[in-house]
Amino acid sequence: APLFGARVDIVPNDIARDPQALLAHVQAQRISVLESVPSLITGLLA
């Protein structure tokens, strides 16, 4: 990814386990691609 101008953003566990905090982090950092487990994605959409 860095070869093409992308970056990897590893979030702290407390943010990664909180769907609302993760969503806020994704928006604040302008993250365009997110890899996660299905249960967390479901939490983001709830």
PDB file of N, CA and C in Angstrom:
ATOM      1  N   ALA A   1       0.813  -1.207   0.000  1.00  0.00           N
ATOM      2  CA  ALA A   1       0.000   0.000   0.000  1.00  0.00           C
ATOM      3  C   ALA A   1       0.855   1.269   0.000  1.00  0.00           C
ATOM      4  N   PRO A   2       1.896   1.387   0.840  1.00  0.00           N
ATOM      5  CA  PRO A   2       2.677   2.621   0.835  1.00  0.00           C
ATOM      6  C   PRO A   2       3.335   2.923  -0.519  1.00  0.00           C
ATOM      7  N   LEU A   3       3.554   1.914  -1.321  1.00  0.00           N
ATOM      8  CA  LEU A   3       4.160   2.120  -2.627  1.00  0.00           C
ATOM      9  C   LEU A   3       3.267   2.968  -3.531  1.00  0.00           C
ATOM     10  N   PHE A   4       1.980   2.972  -3.271  1.00  0.00           N
ATOM     11  CA  PHE A   4       1.020   3.693  -4.101  1.00  0.00           C
ATOM     12  C   PHE A   4       0.457   4.927  -3.410  1.00  0.00           C
ATOM     13  N   GLY A   5       1.106   5.414  -2.375  1.00  0.00           N
ATOM     14  CA  GLY A   5       0.656   6.615  -1.688  1.00  0.00           C
ATOM     15  C   GLY A   5      -0.353   6.359  -0.586  1.00  0.00           C
ATOM     16  N   ALA A   6      -0.645   5.116  -0.314  1.00  0.00           N
ATOM     17  CA  ALA A   6      -1.577   4.778   0.762  1.00  0.00           C
ATOM     18  C   ALA A   6      -0.821   4.700   2.079  1.00  0.00           C
ATOM     19  N   ARG A   7      -1.549   4.567   3.160  1.00  0.00           N
ATOM     20  CA  ARG A   7      -0.915   4.388   4.465  1.00  0.00           C
ATOM     21  C   ARG A   7      -1.710   3.390   5.273  1.00  0.00           C
ATOM     22  N   VAL A   8      -1.081   2.810   6.250  1.00  0.00           N
ATOM     23  CA  VAL A   8      -1.726   1.862   7.153  1.00  0.00           C
ATOM     24  C   VAL A   8      -1.913   2.571   8.486  1.00  0.00           C
ATOM     25  N   ASP A   9      -3.127   2.530   8.998  1.00  0.00           N
ATOM     26  CA  ASP A   9      -3.444   3.186  10.264  1.00  0.00           C
ATOM     27  C   ASP A   9      -3.902   2.110  11.246  1.00  0.00           C
ATOM     28  N   ILE A  10      -3.095   1.831  12.248  1.00  0.00           N
ATOM     29  CA  ILE A  10      -3.437   0.827  13.253  1.00  0.00           C
ATOM     30  C   ILE A  10      -3.996   1.566  14.461  1.00  0.00           C
ATOM     31  N   VAL A  11      -5.250   1.282  14.784  1.00  0.00           N
ATOM     32  CA  VAL A  11      -5.906   2.010  15.872  1.00  0.00           C
ATOM     33  C   VAL A  11      -5.717   1.278  17.197  1.00  0.00           C
ATOM     34  N   PRO A  12      -5.718   2.019  18.296  1.00  0.00           N
ATOM     35  CA  PRO A  12      -5.613   1.386  19.613  1.00  0.00           C
ATOM     36  C   PRO A  12      -6.815   0.475  19.879  1.00  0.00           C
ATOM     37  N   ASN A  13      -6.634  -0.517  20.729  1.00  0.00           N
ATOM     38  CA  ASN A  13      -7.692  -1.485  21.030  1.00  0.00           C
ATOM     39  C   ASN A  13      -8.971  -0.836  21.537  1.00  0.00           C
ATOM     40  N   ASP A  14      -8.851   0.209  22.381  1.00  0.00           N
ATOM     41  CA  ASP A  14     -10.064   0.821  22.924  1.00  0.00           C
ATOM     42  C   ASP A  14     -10.908   1.467  21.827  1.00  0.00           C
ATOM     43  N   ILE A  15     -10.286   1.979  20.786  1.00  0.00           N
ATOM     44  CA  ILE A  15     -11.022   2.542  19.650  1.00  0.00           C
ATOM     45  C   ILE A  15     -11.527   1.414  18.754  1.00  0.00           C
ATOM     46  N   ALA A  16     -10.703   0.425  18.514  1.00  0.00           N
ATOM     47  CA  ALA A  16     -11.066  -0.674  17.616  1.00  0.00           C
ATOM     48  C   ALA A  16     -12.265  -1.466  18.120  1.00  0.00           C
ATOM     49  N   ARG A  17     -12.469  -1.510  19.417  1.00  0.00           N
ATOM     50  CA  ARG A  17     -13.572  -2.294  19.991  1.00  0.00           C
ATOM     51  C   ARG A  17     -14.845  -1.485  20.205  1.00  0.00           C
ATOM     52  N   ASP A  18     -14.805  -0.198  19.916  1.00  0.00           N
ATOM     53  CA  ASP A  18     -15.966   0.680  20.107  1.00  0.00           C
ATOM     54  C   ASP A  18     -16.423   1.196  18.744  1.00  0.00           C
ATOM     55  N   PRO A  19     -17.530   0.678  18.217  1.00  0.00           N
ATOM     56  CA  PRO A  19     -17.955   1.062  16.866  1.00  0.00           C
ATOM     57  C   PRO A  19     -18.099   2.571  16.662  1.00  0.00           C
ATOM     58  N   GLN A  20     -18.638   3.284  17.635  1.00  0.00           N
ATOM     59  CA  GLN A  20     -18.819   4.731  17.479  1.00  0.00           C
ATOM     60  C   GLN A  20     -17.474   5.460  17.485  1.00  0.00           C
ATOM     61  N   ALA A  21     -16.563   5.042  18.350  1.00  0.00           N
ATOM     62  CA  ALA A  21     -15.233   5.649  18.383  1.00  0.00           C
ATOM     63  C   ALA A  21     -14.473   5.335  17.102  1.00  0.00           C
ATOM     64  N   LEU A  22     -14.631   4.122  16.600  1.00  0.00           N
ATOM     65  CA  LEU A  22     -13.960   3.745  15.359  1.00  0.00           C
ATOM     66  C   LEU A  22     -14.493   4.563  14.190  1.00  0.00           C
ATOM     67  N   LEU A  23     -15.801   4.732  14.130  1.00  0.00           N
ATOM     68  CA  LEU A  23     -16.395   5.536  13.067  1.00  0.00           C
ATOM     69  C   LEU A  23     -15.884   6.976  13.125  1.00  0.00           C
ATOM     70  N   ALA A  24     -15.799   7.542  14.315  1.00  0.00           N
ATOM     71  CA  ALA A  24     -15.272   8.902  14.471  1.00  0.00           C
ATOM     72  C   ALA A  24     -13.818   8.969  14.009  1.00  0.00           C
ATOM     73  N   HIS A  25     -13.035   7.951  14.337  1.00  0.00           N
ATOM     74  CA  HIS A  25     -11.626   7.906  13.929  1.00  0.00           C
ATOM     75  C   HIS A  25     -11.503   7.806  12.407  1.00  0.00           C
ATOM     76  N   VAL A  26     -12.320   6.949  11.809  1.00  0.00           N
ATOM     77  CA  VAL A  26     -12.305   6.778  10.351  1.00  0.00           C
ATOM     78  C   VAL A  26     -12.627   8.103   9.665  1.00  0.00           C
ATOM     79  N   GLN A  27     -13.623   8.807  10.176  1.00  0.00           N
ATOM     80  CA  GLN A  27     -13.997  10.093   9.585  1.00  0.00           C
ATOM     81  C   GLN A  27     -12.913  11.140   9.802  1.00  0.00           C
ATOM     82  N   ALA A  28     -12.369  11.212  11.008  1.00  0.00           N
ATOM     83  CA  ALA A  28     -11.350  12.218  11.320  1.00  0.00           C
ATOM     84  C   ALA A  28     -10.076  12.011  10.505  1.00  0.00           C
ATOM     85  N   GLN A  29      -9.705  10.747  10.284  1.00  0.00           N
ATOM     86  CA  GLN A  29      -8.478  10.442   9.545  1.00  0.00           C
ATOM     87  C   GLN A  29      -8.719  10.311   8.045  1.00  0.00           C
ATOM     88  N   ARG A  30      -9.978  10.456   7.629  1.00  0.00           N
ATOM     89  CA  ARG A  30     -10.366  10.351   6.221  1.00  0.00           C
ATOM     90  C   ARG A  30      -9.935   9.010   5.620  1.00  0.00           C
ATOM     91  N   ILE A  31     -10.199   7.942   6.362  1.00  0.00           N
ATOM     92  CA  ILE A  31      -9.863   6.589   5.924  1.00  0.00           C
ATOM     93  C   ILE A  31     -10.869   6.159   4.864  1.00  0.00           C
ATOM     94  N   SER A  32     -10.365   5.657   3.750  1.00  0.00           N
ATOM     95  CA  SER A  32     -11.255   5.276   2.649  1.00  0.00           C
ATOM     96  C   SER A  32     -11.420   3.761   2.504  1.00  0.00           C
ATOM     97  N   VAL A  33     -10.537   2.976   3.107  1.00  0.00           N
ATOM     98  CA  VAL A  33     -10.642   1.516   3.062  1.00  0.00           C
ATOM     99  C   VAL A  33     -10.476   1.006   4.488  1.00  0.00           C
ATOM    100  N   LEU A  34     -11.427   0.179   4.922  1.00  0.00           N
ATOM    101  CA  LEU A  34     -11.397  -0.358   6.278  1.00  0.00           C
ATOM    102  C   LEU A  34     -11.559  -1.868   6.214  1.00  0.00           C
ATOM    103  N   GLU A  35     -10.624  -2.593   6.809  1.00  0.00           N
ATOM    104  CA  GLU A  35     -10.740  -4.049   6.912  1.00  0.00           C
ATOM    105  C   GLU A  35     -11.098  -4.382   8.349  1.00  0.00           C
ATOM    106  N   SER A  36     -12.158  -5.155   8.513  1.00  0.00           N
ATOM    107  CA  SER A  36     -12.622  -5.489   9.849  1.00  0.00           C
ATOM    108  C   SER A  36     -13.409  -6.793   9.812  1.00  0.00           C
ATOM    109  N   VAL A  37     -13.772  -7.262  10.996  1.00  0.00           N
ATOM    110  CA  VAL A  37     -14.611  -8.457  11.097  1.00  0.00           C
ATOM    111  C   VAL A  37     -16.068  -8.062  10.866  1.00  0.00           C
ATOM    112  N   PRO A  38     -16.896  -8.982  10.369  1.00  0.00           N
ATOM    113  CA  PRO A  38     -18.296  -8.657  10.075  1.00  0.00           C
ATOM    114  C   PRO A  38     -19.079  -8.102  11.265  1.00  0.00           C
ATOM    115  N   SER A  39     -18.829  -8.607  12.459  1.00  0.00           N
ATOM    116  CA  SER A  39     -19.594  -8.129  13.616  1.00  0.00           C
ATOM    117  C   SER A  39     -19.329  -6.656  13.906  1.00  0.00           C
ATOM    118  N   LEU A  40     -18.115  -6.197  13.694  1.00  0.00           N
ATOM    119  CA  LEU A  40     -17.819  -4.780  13.918  1.00  0.00           C
ATOM    120  C   LEU A  40     -18.448  -3.922  12.826  1.00  0.00           C
ATOM    121  N   ILE A  41     -18.429  -4.385  11.600  1.00  0.00           N
ATOM    122  CA  ILE A  41     -19.079  -3.656  10.512  1.00  0.00           C
ATOM    123  C   ILE A  41     -20.575  -3.539  10.799  1.00  0.00           C
ATOM    124  N   THR A  42     -21.186  -4.602  11.311  1.00  0.00           N
ATOM    125  CA  THR A  42     -22.602  -4.554  11.683  1.00  0.00           C
ATOM    126  C   THR A  42     -22.829  -3.500  12.756  1.00  0.00           C
ATOM    127  N   GLY A  43     -21.924  -3.413  13.719  1.00  0.00           N
ATOM    128  CA  GLY A  43     -22.026  -2.393  14.763  1.00  0.00           C
ATOM    129  C   GLY A  43     -21.907  -0.991  14.212  1.00  0.00           C
ATOM    130  N   LEU A  44     -21.086  -0.806  13.198  1.00  0.00           N
ATOM    131  CA  LEU A  44     -20.942   0.515  12.578  1.00  0.00           C
ATOM    132  C   LEU A  44     -22.213   0.921  11.845  1.00  0.00           C
ATOM    133  N   LEU A  45     -22.911  -0.054  11.281  1.00  0.00           N
ATOM    134  CA  LEU A  45     -24.114   0.236  10.509  1.00  0.00           C
ATOM    135  C   LEU A  45     -25.363   0.360  11.377  1.00  0.00           C
ATOM    136  N   ALA A  46     -25.274  -0.059  12.628  1.00  0.00           N
ATOM    137  CA  ALA A  46     -26.453  -0.030  13.517  1.00  0.00           C
ATOM    138  C   ALA A  46     -26.792   1.377  13.965  1.00  0.00           C
TER     139      ALA A  46
END
